[in-house]
Amino acid sequence: MRIHVIDHRGREHTLEALEGWRIMEVIRDWGVALKAECGGACACATCHVYVDEAWIERLAPPSREEIDRLDQAFSVARTSRLSCQILMAPAFDGLRLKLAPGSETEPATA
């Protein structure tokens, strides 16, 4: 299974994904820069993504907790989701996402 992620610089990454993994984990573990500060606990909004219009209705609706966390995110849109709250499944093979503003990792300092 694969997902397609557009990073903060506009580059598209096609990433192999394992069933049951959080989309946030897939993105982070393949080295695409995603802040994801709370590690998937739905305690922040730093893994905010935009789900492609063609995919948004295929996902389960966000929980009340996720909606509350999205209130803390920048530039929330109708297709906004927290990538830690989407579990990879065969039905999501080919899922397309774009990393949202505010989910960038801090640049390394020397």
Protein backbone atom coordinates (compact mmCIF):
# COMPACT_ATOMS: atom_id res chain seq x y z
CA MET A 1 0.00 0.00 0.00
CA ARG A 2 1.15 3.52 -0.72
CA ILE A 3 0.29 7.09 0.15
CA HIS A 4 1.24 10.24 -1.76
CA VAL A 5 2.35 13.22 0.32
CA ILE A 6 3.12 16.74 -0.87
CA ASP A 7 5.64 18.31 1.50
CA HIS A 8 6.04 21.94 2.54
CA ARG A 9 8.22 22.66 -0.49
CA GLY A 10 5.67 21.25 -2.94
CA ARG A 11 7.53 17.99 -3.61
CA GLU A 12 5.49 14.82 -3.88
CA HIS A 13 6.63 11.69 -2.03
CA THR A 14 5.20 8.24 -2.66
CA LEU A 15 5.56 6.27 0.57
CA GLU A 16 5.04 2.60 1.34
CA ALA A 17 2.59 2.22 4.23
CA LEU A 18 1.74 -0.71 6.48
CA GLU A 19 -1.82 -1.52 7.49
CA GLY A 20 -2.70 -0.28 10.97
CA TRP A 21 0.03 2.38 11.10
CA ARG A 22 -0.93 5.99 11.69
CA ILE A 23 -0.43 8.11 8.57
CA MET A 24 1.65 10.44 10.76
CA GLU A 25 4.03 7.54 11.54
CA VAL A 26 4.36 6.63 7.87
CA ILE A 27 5.22 10.21 6.90
CA ARG A 28 7.69 10.70 9.76
CA ASP A 29 9.35 7.28 9.45
CA TRP A 30 10.08 7.83 5.74
CA GLY A 31 11.90 11.05 6.66
CA VAL A 32 9.41 13.59 5.34
CA ALA A 33 9.61 16.65 7.61
CA LEU A 34 6.53 16.63 9.84
CA LYS A 35 6.59 18.11 13.34
CA ALA A 36 4.14 15.67 15.03
CA GLU A 37 5.12 16.82 18.53
CA CYS A 38 2.79 14.63 20.59
CA GLY A 39 3.65 11.44 18.71
CA GLY A 40 0.09 10.51 17.87
CA ALA A 41 -1.77 11.19 21.12
CA CYS A 42 -4.14 13.76 19.55
CA ALA A 43 -2.79 16.31 22.03
CA CYS A 44 -1.62 18.91 19.49
CA ALA A 45 -2.21 19.84 15.85
CA THR A 46 1.36 19.65 14.54
CA CYS A 47 0.61 16.72 12.19
CA HIS A 48 -2.11 18.70 10.36
CA VAL A 49 -2.62 17.69 6.73
CA TYR A 50 -5.02 18.45 3.93
CA VAL A 51 -6.63 15.34 2.49
CA ASP A 52 -7.17 15.40 -1.27
CA GLU A 53 -10.80 16.18 -2.18
CA ALA A 54 -11.15 12.80 -3.91
CA TRP A 55 -10.32 11.05 -0.62
CA ILE A 56 -11.92 13.12 2.13
CA GLU A 57 -15.32 11.37 2.06
CA ARG A 58 -13.67 7.91 2.10
CA LEU A 59 -12.22 8.50 5.57
CA ALA A 60 -14.15 8.08 8.80
CA PRO A 61 -15.26 11.48 10.08
CA PRO A 62 -13.00 13.15 12.65
CA SER A 63 -13.73 12.56 16.33
CA ARG A 64 -14.79 15.42 18.58
CA GLU A 65 -11.29 15.35 20.10
CA GLU A 66 -9.69 15.71 16.66
CA ILE A 67 -12.00 18.60 15.78
CA ASP A 68 -11.04 20.31 19.05
CA ARG A 69 -7.32 19.89 18.24
CA LEU A 70 -7.80 21.25 14.71
CA ASP A 71 -9.05 24.45 16.37
CA GLN A 72 -5.39 24.93 17.39
CA ALA A 73 -4.06 24.51 13.84
CA PHE A 74 -3.16 27.14 11.25
CA SER A 75 -5.15 27.52 8.02
CA VAL A 76 -7.81 24.89 8.74
CA ALA A 77 -9.86 23.89 5.70
CA ARG A 78 -12.76 21.53 5.03
CA THR A 79 -10.27 18.78 4.16
CA SER A 80 -8.09 19.29 7.24
CA ARG A 81 -7.27 16.23 9.34
CA LEU A 82 -4.68 15.21 11.89
CA SER A 83 -2.52 12.55 10.27
CA CYS A 84 -2.15 10.79 13.64
CA GLN A 85 -5.86 10.03 13.60
CA ILE A 86 -5.94 8.24 10.23
CA LEU A 87 -4.98 4.57 10.39
CA MET A 88 -3.70 3.03 7.17
CA ALA A 89 -6.01 0.41 5.66
CA PRO A 90 -6.19 -1.31 2.26
CA ALA A 91 -9.07 1.00 1.30
CA PHE A 92 -6.66 3.95 1.61
CA ASP A 93 -4.08 2.64 -0.87
CA GLY A 94 -3.24 5.68 -3.00
CA LEU A 95 -4.37 8.25 -0.41
CA ARG A 96 -3.17 11.77 -1.31
CA LEU A 97 -2.28 14.37 1.33
CA LYS A 98 -0.58 17.74 1.58
CA LEU A 99 1.29 18.86 4.71
CA ALA A 100 -0.35 21.95 6.18
CA PRO A 101 1.27 25.15 7.44
CA GLY A 102 2.40 24.86 11.05
CA SER A 103 3.46 21.23 10.73
CA GLU A 104 6.99 22.10 9.59
CA THR A 105 9.90 20.86 11.65
CA GLU A 106 12.33 23.44 12.95
CA PRO A 107 15.52 23.78 10.88
CA ALA A 108 18.59 22.26 12.47
CA THR A 109 20.97 24.75 14.07
CA ALA A 110 24.76 24.37 14.07
